[in-house]
Amino acid sequence: MDKVEEFEELRPLLFSIAYRILGSVSEAEDAVQEAWLRFDGSPTVPASAKAFLSTTVTRIAIDVLRSARVRREEYVGPWFPEPLLNDPYQDPERSAELSDSVSMAALLLLERLSPLERSVFVLREVFAFGFADIAAAVGRSESACRQLLVRARRHMAAGRPRFAADRRERQELATRFFDALRGGDVAGLRDLLAADVQMVGDGGGKAPQLARAVAGADNVARLLGSVMPLLAPVEVTFEPRELNGQPGAIFRDRDGRVLNTLALDVRDGQVQAIRSVINPDKLGHLGPLADVWAIDDQVRRVRRGG
């Protein structure tokens, strides 16, 4: 294979590594493109294209994450990863690790780690890289990488739920949830929510939000029950879609443009958390964007009876 063919074959892996380190589709795509430029411009032919490109994209992602952390500390309101429709990298032998590590909940846990801890954890626990390759990628000794992994595992284990729902259970509950949401069925929604459920939105100060954060099954059910009666008159609809490997939905305006996403965290037969991303900066990769401010104005008129 020539360089282009080698790179294109590895592109899904490179994106999946970068996305898990960065939590951003756009930044991951930029990191992969920069890795290609360095690969294409290399005066020598690497002994292993996979090793060279994995190392390169990891180092780029670490540098980007270090600068991104400053911006995230100044971010307006809660920060969520950019929603991902499809993970391009598939490995049947590691399907569980790949699915678990791309969920919103897992990506938010990864935010607790340092850039080096996060990179080592992703390369080892998700993609099963050897410590020699990991050491080369992050510029540390193998012994140091093992210590970084120990610390990363400890942080991740402290925040992980003890029992995760299987895929069929998640989908069945999600179907009931979205049926109740579409019908404004407050009682039906309440039955599916954990007592301490939280609903949180990420608007980044660039979009109106129905609520920044709402907690408790009664409060969340009432809020959700009011959503479609307000959105239906302005012809906003939603389509259930898998987001980050979990049940979710994409909301669209009357012209099919993307308004926001909604992702469910399902465990123990209940919805434990609901996360909405409405910041337009995080939704452009999903398609043309709706005018959220215009829709907000229309919803206000509906609420006033206009």
C-alpha atoms as a PDB file:
ATOM      1  CA  MET A   1       0.000   0.000   0.000  1.00  0.00           C
ATOM      2  CA  ASP A   2       1.057   3.580  -0.576  1.00  0.00           C
ATOM      3  CA  LYS A   3       0.906   6.207   2.165  1.00  0.00           C
ATOM      4  CA  VAL A   4      -2.622   7.327   1.358  1.00  0.00           C
ATOM      5  CA  GLU A   5      -3.971   3.786   1.488  1.00  0.00           C
ATOM      6  CA  GLU A   6      -2.158   3.028   4.734  1.00  0.00           C
ATOM      7  CA  PHE A   7      -3.483   6.202   6.323  1.00  0.00           C
ATOM      8  CA  GLU A   8      -7.081   5.680   5.178  1.00  0.00           C
ATOM      9  CA  GLU A   9      -7.041   2.145   6.554  1.00  0.00           C
ATOM     10  CA  LEU A  10      -5.933   3.490   9.934  1.00  0.00           C
ATOM     11  CA  ARG A  11      -8.099   6.625   9.960  1.00  0.00           C
ATOM     12  CA  PRO A  12     -10.990   5.029  11.971  1.00  0.00           C
ATOM     13  CA  LEU A  13      -8.571   3.911  14.698  1.00  0.00           C
ATOM     14  CA  LEU A  14      -6.845   7.297  14.808  1.00  0.00           C
ATOM     15  CA  PHE A  15     -10.142   9.178  15.101  1.00  0.00           C
ATOM     16  CA  SER A  16     -11.378   6.855  17.847  1.00  0.00           C
ATOM     17  CA  ILE A  17      -8.187   7.377  19.862  1.00  0.00           C
ATOM     18  CA  ALA A  18      -8.313  11.161  19.444  1.00  0.00           C
ATOM     19  CA  TYR A  19     -12.031  11.436  20.233  1.00  0.00           C
ATOM     20  CA  ARG A  20     -11.683   9.521  23.495  1.00  0.00           C
ATOM     21  CA  ILE A  21      -8.775  11.717  24.552  1.00  0.00           C
ATOM     22  CA  LEU A  22     -10.426  14.984  23.515  1.00  0.00           C
ATOM     23  CA  GLY A  23     -14.191  14.428  23.735  1.00  0.00           C
ATOM     24  CA  SER A  24     -14.600  16.571  20.629  1.00  0.00           C
ATOM     25  CA  VAL A  25     -15.447  15.416  17.118  1.00  0.00           C
ATOM     26  CA  SER A  26     -14.045  18.534  15.462  1.00  0.00           C
ATOM     27  CA  GLU A  27     -10.815  18.517  17.463  1.00  0.00           C
ATOM     28  CA  ALA A  28     -10.372  14.775  16.865  1.00  0.00           C
ATOM     29  CA  GLU A  29     -10.804  15.263  13.119  1.00  0.00           C
ATOM     30  CA  ASP A  30      -8.261  18.093  13.182  1.00  0.00           C
ATOM     31  CA  ALA A  31      -5.802  15.914  15.117  1.00  0.00           C
ATOM     32  CA  VAL A  32      -6.166  13.106  12.571  1.00  0.00           C
ATOM     33  CA  GLN A  33      -5.612  15.528   9.694  1.00  0.00           C
ATOM     34  CA  GLU A  34      -2.492  16.920  11.363  1.00  0.00           C
ATOM     35  CA  ALA A  35      -1.221  13.380  11.893  1.00  0.00           C
ATOM     36  CA  TRP A  36      -1.638  12.756   8.154  1.00  0.00           C
ATOM     37  CA  LEU A  37       0.337  15.885   7.297  1.00  0.00           C
ATOM     38  CA  ARG A  38       3.203  14.757   9.516  1.00  0.00           C
ATOM     39  CA  PHE A  39       3.047  11.220   8.132  1.00  0.00           C
ATOM     40  CA  ASP A  40       2.995  12.447   4.546  1.00  0.00           C
ATOM     41  CA  GLY A  41       5.828  14.883   5.209  1.00  0.00           C
ATOM     42  CA  SER A  42       8.071  12.392   6.979  1.00  0.00           C
ATOM     43  CA  PRO A  43      11.368  12.054   5.076  1.00  0.00           C
ATOM     44  CA  THR A  44      11.688   8.418   6.130  1.00  0.00           C
ATOM     45  CA  VAL A  45       9.288   5.497   5.863  1.00  0.00           C
ATOM     46  CA  PRO A  46       8.214   4.376   9.364  1.00  0.00           C
ATOM     47  CA  ALA A  47       8.741   0.696  10.153  1.00  0.00           C
ATOM     48  CA  SER A  48       5.084   0.624  11.277  1.00  0.00           C
ATOM     49  CA  ALA A  49       2.547   3.103   9.960  1.00  0.00           C
ATOM     50  CA  LYS A  50       0.176   2.171  12.796  1.00  0.00           C
ATOM     51  CA  ALA A  51       2.789   2.842  15.475  1.00  0.00           C
ATOM     52  CA  PHE A  52       3.882   6.122  13.873  1.00  0.00           C
ATOM     53  CA  LEU A  53       0.366   7.461  13.344  1.00  0.00           C
ATOM     54  CA  SER A  54      -0.985   6.306  16.723  1.00  0.00           C
ATOM     55  CA  THR A  55       1.945   7.959  18.465  1.00  0.00           C
ATOM     56  CA  THR A  56       1.544  11.126  16.423  1.00  0.00           C
ATOM     57  CA  VAL A  57      -2.205  11.509  16.913  1.00  0.00           C
ATOM     58  CA  THR A  58      -1.859  10.807  20.653  1.00  0.00           C
ATOM     59  CA  ARG A  59       0.799  13.477  21.078  1.00  0.00           C
ATOM     60  CA  ILE A  60      -1.253  15.983  19.111  1.00  0.00           C
ATOM     61  CA  ALA A  61      -4.345  15.163  21.179  1.00  0.00           C
ATOM     62  CA  ILE A  62      -2.431  15.577  24.451  1.00  0.00           C
ATOM     63  CA  ASP A  63      -1.241  19.043  23.381  1.00  0.00           C
ATOM     64  CA  VAL A  64      -4.745  20.048  22.283  1.00  0.00           C
ATOM     65  CA  LEU A  65      -6.281  18.753  25.518  1.00  0.00           C
ATOM     66  CA  ARG A  66      -3.846  20.743  27.651  1.00  0.00           C
ATOM     67  CA  SER A  67      -4.909  23.986  25.993  1.00  0.00           C
ATOM     68  CA  ALA A  68      -8.586  22.939  25.874  1.00  0.00           C
ATOM     69  CA  ARG A  69      -8.665  22.436  29.632  1.00  0.00           C
ATOM     70  CA  VAL A  70      -8.122  26.150  30.173  1.00  0.00           C
ATOM     71  CA  ARG A  71     -11.078  26.941  27.909  1.00  0.00           C
ATOM     72  CA  ARG A  72     -13.249  24.336  29.619  1.00  0.00           C
ATOM     73  CA  GLU A  73     -12.555  25.890  33.014  1.00  0.00           C
ATOM     74  CA  GLU A  74     -13.978  29.156  31.652  1.00  0.00           C
ATOM     75  CA  TYR A  75     -16.894  27.449  29.882  1.00  0.00           C
ATOM     76  CA  VAL A  76     -20.347  28.855  30.610  1.00  0.00           C
ATOM     77  CA  GLY A  77     -22.419  26.208  32.386  1.00  0.00           C
ATOM     78  CA  PRO A  78     -21.907  22.430  32.276  1.00  0.00           C
ATOM     79  CA  TRP A  79     -19.507  21.075  29.644  1.00  0.00           C
ATOM     80  CA  PHE A  80     -20.352  17.876  27.749  1.00  0.00           C
ATOM     81  CA  PRO A  81     -18.460  16.059  24.983  1.00  0.00           C
ATOM     82  CA  GLU A  82     -19.603  16.589  21.420  1.00  0.00           C
ATOM     83  CA  PRO A  83     -22.222  13.919  20.611  1.00  0.00           C
ATOM     84  CA  LEU A  84     -21.002  11.107  18.375  1.00  0.00           C
ATOM     85  CA  LEU A  85     -23.370   9.274  16.050  1.00  0.00           C
ATOM     86  CA  ASN A  86     -21.113   6.435  14.920  1.00  0.00           C
ATOM     87  CA  ASP A  87     -17.751   5.261  16.167  1.00  0.00           C
ATOM     88  CA  PRO A  88     -15.857   4.508  12.922  1.00  0.00           C
ATOM     89  CA  TYR A  89     -13.517   1.967  14.533  1.00  0.00           C
ATOM     90  CA  GLN A  90     -14.803  -1.531  15.161  1.00  0.00           C
ATOM     91  CA  ASP A  91     -13.005  -4.485  16.738  1.00  0.00           C
ATOM     92  CA  PRO A  92     -15.232  -7.475  17.593  1.00  0.00           C
ATOM     93  CA  GLU A  93     -12.755  -8.662  20.222  1.00  0.00           C
ATOM     94  CA  ARG A  94     -12.981  -5.339  22.088  1.00  0.00           C
ATOM     95  CA  SER A  95     -16.566  -4.317  21.384  1.00  0.00           C
ATOM     96  CA  ALA A  96     -17.430  -3.971  25.088  1.00  0.00           C
ATOM     97  CA  GLU A  97     -14.443  -1.715  25.811  1.00  0.00           C
ATOM     98  CA  LEU A  98     -15.106   0.400  22.732  1.00  0.00           C
ATOM     99  CA  SER A  99     -18.797   0.846  23.518  1.00  0.00           C
ATOM    100  CA  ASP A 100     -18.313   1.605  27.201  1.00  0.00           C
ATOM    101  CA  SER A 101     -15.485   4.089  26.684  1.00  0.00           C
ATOM    102  CA  VAL A 102     -17.383   6.275  24.207  1.00  0.00           C
ATOM    103  CA  SER A 103     -20.493   6.867  26.360  1.00  0.00           C
ATOM    104  CA  MET A 104     -21.143  10.359  27.722  1.00  0.00           C
ATOM    105  CA  ALA A 105     -20.776   9.058  31.269  1.00  0.00           C
ATOM    106  CA  ALA A 106     -17.372   7.488  30.538  1.00  0.00           C
ATOM    107  CA  LEU A 107     -16.093  10.554  28.681  1.00  0.00           C
ATOM    108  CA  LEU A 108     -17.084  12.766  31.604  1.00  0.00           C
ATOM    109  CA  LEU A 109     -15.192  10.440  33.947  1.00  0.00           C
ATOM    110  CA  LEU A 110     -12.166  10.695  31.668  1.00  0.00           C
ATOM    111  CA  GLU A 111     -12.294  14.475  32.191  1.00  0.00           C
ATOM    112  CA  ARG A 112     -11.154  13.842  35.773  1.00  0.00           C
ATOM    113  CA  LEU A 113      -7.832  12.453  34.556  1.00  0.00           C
ATOM    114  CA  SER A 114      -4.722  14.362  33.598  1.00  0.00           C
ATOM    115  CA  PRO A 115      -3.960  14.407  29.837  1.00  0.00           C
ATOM    116  CA  LEU A 116      -1.239  11.762  30.326  1.00  0.00           C
ATOM    117  CA  GLU A 117      -3.423   9.535  32.527  1.00  0.00           C
ATOM    118  CA  ARG A 118      -6.261   9.827  30.049  1.00  0.00           C
ATOM    119  CA  SER A 119      -4.060   8.938  27.079  1.00  0.00           C
ATOM    120  CA  VAL A 120      -2.479   5.957  28.798  1.00  0.00           C
ATOM    121  CA  PHE A 121      -5.866   4.698  29.949  1.00  0.00           C
ATOM    122  CA  VAL A 122      -7.387   5.010  26.468  1.00  0.00           C
ATOM    123  CA  LEU A 123      -4.483   3.319  24.701  1.00  0.00           C
ATOM    124  CA  ARG A 124      -4.235   0.450  27.183  1.00  0.00           C
ATOM    125  CA  GLU A 125      -7.748  -0.197  28.452  1.00  0.00           C
ATOM    126  CA  VAL A 126      -9.685   0.554  25.286  1.00  0.00           C
ATOM    127  CA  PHE A 127      -7.290  -0.341  22.467  1.00  0.00           C
ATOM    128  CA  ALA A 128      -4.991  -2.828  24.258  1.00  0.00           C
ATOM    129  CA  PHE A 129      -1.728  -1.183  23.168  1.00  0.00           C
ATOM    130  CA  GLY A 130       1.449  -2.623  24.630  1.00  0.00           C
ATOM    131  CA  PHE A 131       3.346  -0.562  27.201  1.00  0.00           C
ATOM    132  CA  ALA A 132       6.302  -0.073  24.866  1.00  0.00           C
ATOM    133  CA  ASP A 133       4.048   1.587  22.288  1.00  0.00           C
ATOM    134  CA  ILE A 134       2.254   3.595  24.969  1.00  0.00           C
ATOM    135  CA  ALA A 135       5.553   4.818  26.389  1.00  0.00           C
ATOM    136  CA  ALA A 136       6.636   5.964  22.933  1.00  0.00           C
ATOM    137  CA  ALA A 137       3.319   7.726  22.380  1.00  0.00           C
ATOM    138  CA  VAL A 138       3.271   9.738  25.617  1.00  0.00           C
ATOM    139  CA  GLY A 139       7.023  10.219  26.005  1.00  0.00           C
ATOM    140  CA  ARG A 140       7.360   8.458  29.359  1.00  0.00           C
ATOM    141  CA  SER A 141       9.055   5.269  30.506  1.00  0.00           C
ATOM    142  CA  GLU A 142       7.112   2.013  30.611  1.00  0.00           C
ATOM    143  CA  SER A 143       7.324   2.057  34.410  1.00  0.00           C
ATOM    144  CA  ALA A 144       5.884   5.586  34.519  1.00  0.00           C
ATOM    145  CA  CYS A 145       3.085   4.529  32.175  1.00  0.00           C
ATOM    146  CA  ARG A 146       2.167   1.644  34.454  1.00  0.00           C
ATOM    147  CA  GLN A 147       1.891   4.074  37.357  1.00  0.00           C
ATOM    148  CA  LEU A 148      -0.200   6.460  35.281  1.00  0.00           C
ATOM    149  CA  LEU A 149      -2.517   3.573  34.417  1.00  0.00           C
ATOM    150  CA  VAL A 150      -2.891   2.577  38.079  1.00  0.00           C
ATOM    151  CA  ARG A 151      -3.944   6.111  38.996  1.00  0.00           C
ATOM    152  CA  ALA A 152      -6.287   6.357  36.006  1.00  0.00           C
ATOM    153  CA  ARG A 153      -7.959   3.039  36.832  1.00  0.00           C
ATOM    154  CA  ARG A 154      -8.478   4.169  40.417  1.00  0.00           C
ATOM    155  CA  HIS A 155     -10.175   7.408  39.363  1.00  0.00           C
ATOM    156  CA  MET A 156     -12.341   5.666  36.785  1.00  0.00           C
ATOM    157  CA  ALA A 157     -13.373   2.856  39.132  1.00  0.00           C
ATOM    158  CA  ALA A 158     -14.457   5.359  41.786  1.00  0.00           C
ATOM    159  CA  GLY A 159     -16.967   6.931  39.408  1.00  0.00           C
ATOM    160  CA  ARG A 160     -18.250   3.908  37.492  1.00  0.00           C
ATOM    161  CA  PRO A 161     -21.634   2.373  38.296  1.00  0.00           C
ATOM    162  CA  ARG A 162     -21.550  -1.128  39.724  1.00  0.00           C
ATOM    163  CA  PHE A 163     -24.106  -2.516  37.298  1.00  0.00           C
ATOM    164  CA  ALA A 164     -24.567  -1.432  33.684  1.00  0.00           C
ATOM    165  CA  ALA A 165     -27.673  -2.179  31.628  1.00  0.00           C
ATOM    166  CA  ASP A 166     -27.343  -4.497  28.665  1.00  0.00           C
ATOM    167  CA  ARG A 167     -28.047  -3.167  25.189  1.00  0.00           C
ATOM    168  CA  ARG A 168     -31.532  -4.673  24.815  1.00  0.00           C
ATOM    169  CA  GLU A 169     -32.641  -3.413  28.218  1.00  0.00           C
ATOM    170  CA  ARG A 170     -31.426   0.080  27.343  1.00  0.00           C
ATOM    171  CA  GLN A 171     -33.254   0.100  24.028  1.00  0.00           C
ATOM    172  CA  GLU A 172     -36.512  -1.188  25.483  1.00  0.00           C
ATOM    173  CA  LEU A 173     -36.501   1.429  28.206  1.00  0.00           C
ATOM    174  CA  ALA A 174     -35.532   4.145  25.712  1.00  0.00           C
ATOM    175  CA  THR A 175     -38.456   3.228  23.459  1.00  0.00           C
ATOM    176  CA  ARG A 176     -40.869   3.610  26.372  1.00  0.00           C
ATOM    177  CA  PHE A 177     -39.190   6.871  27.394  1.00  0.00           C
ATOM    178  CA  PHE A 178     -39.463   8.499  23.982  1.00  0.00           C
ATOM    179  CA  ASP A 179     -43.045   7.289  23.519  1.00  0.00           C
ATOM    180  CA  ALA A 180     -43.936   8.958  26.822  1.00  0.00           C
ATOM    181  CA  LEU A 181     -41.969  12.089  25.860  1.00  0.00           C
ATOM    182  CA  ARG A 182     -43.773  12.341  22.521  1.00  0.00           C
ATOM    183  CA  GLY A 183     -47.155  12.026  24.237  1.00  0.00           C
ATOM    184  CA  GLY A 184     -46.363  14.373  27.139  1.00  0.00           C
ATOM    185  CA  ASP A 185     -47.074  11.485  29.535  1.00  0.00           C
ATOM    186  CA  VAL A 186     -45.742  12.810  32.852  1.00  0.00           C
ATOM    187  CA  ALA A 187     -46.741   9.704  34.864  1.00  0.00           C
ATOM    188  CA  GLY A 188     -45.222   7.405  32.250  1.00  0.00           C
ATOM    189  CA  LEU A 189     -41.985   9.388  32.303  1.00  0.00           C
ATOM    190  CA  ARG A 190     -41.846   9.414  36.102  1.00  0.00           C
ATOM    191  CA  ASP A 191     -42.067   5.617  36.186  1.00  0.00           C
ATOM    192  CA  LEU A 192     -38.905   5.352  34.064  1.00  0.00           C
ATOM    193  CA  LEU A 193     -36.778   7.818  36.017  1.00  0.00           C
ATOM    194  CA  ALA A 194     -34.528   7.096  38.972  1.00  0.00           C
ATOM    195  CA  ALA A 195     -35.533   8.953  42.126  1.00  0.00           C
ATOM    196  CA  ASP A 196     -32.379  11.094  41.990  1.00  0.00           C
ATOM    197  CA  VAL A 197     -32.288  11.507  38.203  1.00  0.00           C
ATOM    198  CA  GLN A 198     -30.632  14.646  36.878  1.00  0.00           C
ATOM    199  CA  MET A 199     -31.328  16.488  33.642  1.00  0.00           C
ATOM    200  CA  VAL A 200     -28.550  18.827  32.565  1.00  0.00           C
ATOM    201  CA  GLY A 201     -28.080  20.949  29.460  1.00  0.00           C
ATOM    202  CA  ASP A 202     -24.920  22.186  27.736  1.00  0.00           C
ATOM    203  CA  GLY A 203     -25.569  25.463  25.929  1.00  0.00           C
ATOM    204  CA  GLY A 204     -22.190  27.066  26.496  1.00  0.00           C
ATOM    205  CA  GLY A 205     -23.856  30.460  26.811  1.00  0.00           C
ATOM    206  CA  LYS A 206     -24.610  30.338  23.082  1.00  0.00           C
ATOM    207  CA  ALA A 207     -28.156  28.986  23.140  1.00  0.00           C
ATOM    208  CA  PRO A 208     -31.281  29.234  25.307  1.00  0.00           C
ATOM    209  CA  GLN A 209     -31.965  26.299  27.543  1.00  0.00           C
ATOM    210  CA  LEU A 210     -35.190  24.960  29.005  1.00  0.00           C
ATOM    211  CA  ALA A 211     -33.246  24.283  32.196  1.00  0.00           C
ATOM    212  CA  ARG A 212     -29.628  24.292  33.236  1.00  0.00           C
ATOM    213  CA  ALA A 213     -30.070  21.478  35.716  1.00  0.00           C
ATOM    214  CA  VAL A 214     -33.146  19.776  37.159  1.00  0.00           C
ATOM    215  CA  ALA A 215     -33.019  17.003  39.763  1.00  0.00           C
ATOM    216  CA  GLY A 216     -35.527  14.464  41.060  1.00  0.00           C
ATOM    217  CA  ALA A 217     -37.990  12.246  39.217  1.00  0.00           C
ATOM    218  CA  ASP A 218     -41.030  14.494  39.779  1.00  0.00           C
ATOM    219  CA  ASN A 219     -39.300  17.672  38.637  1.00  0.00           C
ATOM    220  CA  VAL A 220     -37.686  16.083  35.580  1.00  0.00           C
ATOM    221  CA  ALA A 221     -40.903  14.290  34.556  1.00  0.00           C
ATOM    222  CA  ARG A 222     -42.909  17.532  34.745  1.00  0.00           C
ATOM    223  CA  LEU A 223     -40.291  19.384  32.715  1.00  0.00           C
ATOM    224  CA  LEU A 224     -40.109  16.672  30.065  1.00  0.00           C
ATOM    225  CA  GLY A 225     -43.883  16.393  29.956  1.00  0.00           C
ATOM    226  CA  SER A 226     -44.083  20.070  28.992  1.00  0.00           C
ATOM    227  CA  VAL A 227     -41.516  19.858  26.197  1.00  0.00           C
ATOM    228  CA  MET A 228     -43.458  18.469  23.245  1.00  0.00           C
ATOM    229  CA  PRO A 229     -46.689  20.433  23.898  1.00  0.00           C
ATOM    230  CA  LEU A 230     -44.517  23.545  23.498  1.00  0.00           C
ATOM    231  CA  LEU A 231     -42.353  22.299  20.616  1.00  0.00           C
ATOM    232  CA  ALA A 232     -45.016  20.550  18.523  1.00  0.00           C
ATOM    233  CA  PRO A 233     -46.868  23.794  17.616  1.00  0.00           C
ATOM    234  CA  VAL A 234     -43.600  25.198  16.155  1.00  0.00           C
ATOM    235  CA  GLU A 235     -43.047  21.912  14.288  1.00  0.00           C
ATOM    236  CA  VAL A 236     -40.015  20.743  16.228  1.00  0.00           C
ATOM    237  CA  THR A 237     -39.719  16.956  16.111  1.00  0.00           C
ATOM    238  CA  PHE A 238     -37.233  14.389  17.334  1.00  0.00           C
ATOM    239  CA  GLU A 239     -35.843  11.126  16.016  1.00  0.00           C
ATOM    240  CA  PRO A 240     -34.503   8.503  18.437  1.00  0.00           C
ATOM    241  CA  ARG A 241     -30.866   7.807  17.580  1.00  0.00           C
ATOM    242  CA  GLU A 242     -27.988   6.089  19.303  1.00  0.00           C
ATOM    243  CA  LEU A 243     -25.569   8.727  20.576  1.00  0.00           C
ATOM    244  CA  ASN A 244     -22.179   7.763  21.968  1.00  0.00           C
ATOM    245  CA  GLY A 245     -23.302   4.149  21.999  1.00  0.00           C
ATOM    246  CA  GLN A 246     -26.286   4.952  24.251  1.00  0.00           C
ATOM    247  CA  PRO A 247     -29.988   5.698  23.633  1.00  0.00           C
ATOM    248  CA  GLY A 248     -30.660   9.253  22.574  1.00  0.00           C
ATOM    249  CA  ALA A 249     -32.459  11.530  20.161  1.00  0.00           C
ATOM    250  CA  ILE A 250     -31.822  14.402  17.773  1.00  0.00           C
ATOM    251  CA  PHE A 251     -34.314  17.278  17.800  1.00  0.00           C
ATOM    252  CA  ARG A 252     -34.930  19.107  14.514  1.00  0.00           C
ATOM    253  CA  ASP A 253     -36.858  22.144  13.324  1.00  0.00           C
ATOM    254  CA  ARG A 254     -39.540  22.089  10.620  1.00  0.00           C
ATOM    255  CA  ASP A 255     -36.843  22.119   7.919  1.00  0.00           C
ATOM    256  CA  GLY A 256     -34.947  19.174   9.412  1.00  0.00           C
ATOM    257  CA  ARG A 257     -32.133  21.281  10.829  1.00  0.00           C
ATOM    258  CA  VAL A 258     -30.488  20.169  14.079  1.00  0.00           C
ATOM    259  CA  LEU A 259     -31.675  21.895  17.248  1.00  0.00           C
ATOM    260  CA  ASN A 260     -30.156  19.767  20.016  1.00  0.00           C
ATOM    261  CA  THR A 261     -29.403  16.231  21.145  1.00  0.00           C
ATOM    262  CA  LEU A 262     -30.666  14.317  24.156  1.00  0.00           C
ATOM    263  CA  ALA A 263     -28.738  11.363  25.608  1.00  0.00           C
ATOM    264  CA  LEU A 264     -29.978   8.903  28.252  1.00  0.00           C
ATOM    265  CA  ASP A 265     -27.821   7.209  30.871  1.00  0.00           C
ATOM    266  CA  VAL A 266     -29.655   3.958  31.655  1.00  0.00           C
ATOM    267  CA  ARG A 267     -28.717   1.739  34.601  1.00  0.00           C
ATOM    268  CA  ASP A 268     -30.578  -0.601  36.931  1.00  0.00           C
ATOM    269  CA  GLY A 269     -33.705  -0.447  34.765  1.00  0.00           C
ATOM    270  CA  GLN A 270     -34.093   3.324  35.114  1.00  0.00           C
ATOM    271  CA  VAL A 271     -32.913   6.534  33.497  1.00  0.00           C
ATOM    272  CA  GLN A 272     -30.224   7.866  35.820  1.00  0.00           C
ATOM    273  CA  ALA A 273     -29.249  10.985  33.876  1.00  0.00           C
ATOM    274  CA  ILE A 274     -30.415  12.963  30.853  1.00  0.00           C
ATOM    275  CA  ARG A 275     -27.889  15.152  29.065  1.00  0.00           C
ATOM    276  CA  SER A 276     -28.816  17.660  26.399  1.00  0.00           C
ATOM    277  CA  VAL A 277     -26.351  19.397  24.084  1.00  0.00           C
ATOM    278  CA  ILE A 278     -27.739  22.556  22.489  1.00  0.00           C
ATOM    279  CA  ASN A 279     -24.513  24.551  22.015  1.00  0.00           C
ATOM    280  CA  PRO A 280     -24.394  25.012  18.210  1.00  0.00           C
ATOM    281  CA  ASP A 281     -20.587  24.841  18.246  1.00  0.00           C
ATOM    282  CA  LYS A 282     -20.894  21.166  19.229  1.00  0.00           C
ATOM    283  CA  LEU A 283     -23.556  20.134  16.717  1.00  0.00           C
ATOM    284  CA  GLY A 284     -22.296  21.230  13.308  1.00  0.00           C
ATOM    285  CA  HIS A 285     -20.975  17.769  12.422  1.00  0.00           C
ATOM    286  CA  LEU A 286     -24.551  16.404  12.681  1.00  0.00           C
ATOM    287  CA  GLY A 287     -25.876  18.547   9.835  1.00  0.00           C
ATOM    288  CA  PRO A 288     -27.293  22.030   9.140  1.00  0.00           C
ATOM    289  CA  LEU A 289     -28.200  23.868  12.336  1.00  0.00           C
ATOM    290  CA  ALA A 290     -31.520  25.340  13.387  1.00  0.00           C
ATOM    291  CA  ASP A 291     -31.861  28.924  14.613  1.00  0.00           C
ATOM    292  CA  VAL A 292     -32.258  28.147  18.298  1.00  0.00           C
ATOM    293  CA  TRP A 293     -33.006  31.720  19.267  1.00  0.00           C
ATOM    294  CA  ALA A 294     -35.834  31.984  16.742  1.00  0.00           C
ATOM    295  CA  ILE A 295     -37.321  28.743  18.014  1.00  0.00           C
ATOM    296  CA  ASP A 296     -36.996  29.957  21.588  1.00  0.00           C
ATOM    297  CA  ASP A 297     -38.955  33.066  20.635  1.00  0.00           C
ATOM    298  CA  GLN A 298     -41.654  30.943  18.980  1.00  0.00           C
ATOM    299  CA  VAL A 299     -41.892  28.717  22.060  1.00  0.00           C
ATOM    300  CA  ARG A 300     -42.320  31.766  24.289  1.00  0.00           C
ATOM    301  CA  ARG A 301     -45.215  32.890  22.130  1.00  0.00           C
ATOM    302  CA  VAL A 302     -46.819  29.447  22.387  1.00  0.00           C
ATOM    303  CA  ARG A 303     -46.422  29.556  26.154  1.00  0.00           C
ATOM    304  CA  ARG A 304     -48.152  32.964  26.232  1.00  0.00           C
ATOM    305  CA  GLY A 305     -50.964  31.595  24.085  1.00  0.00           C
ATOM    306  CA  GLY A 306     -49.949  33.555  20.992  1.00  0.00           C
END
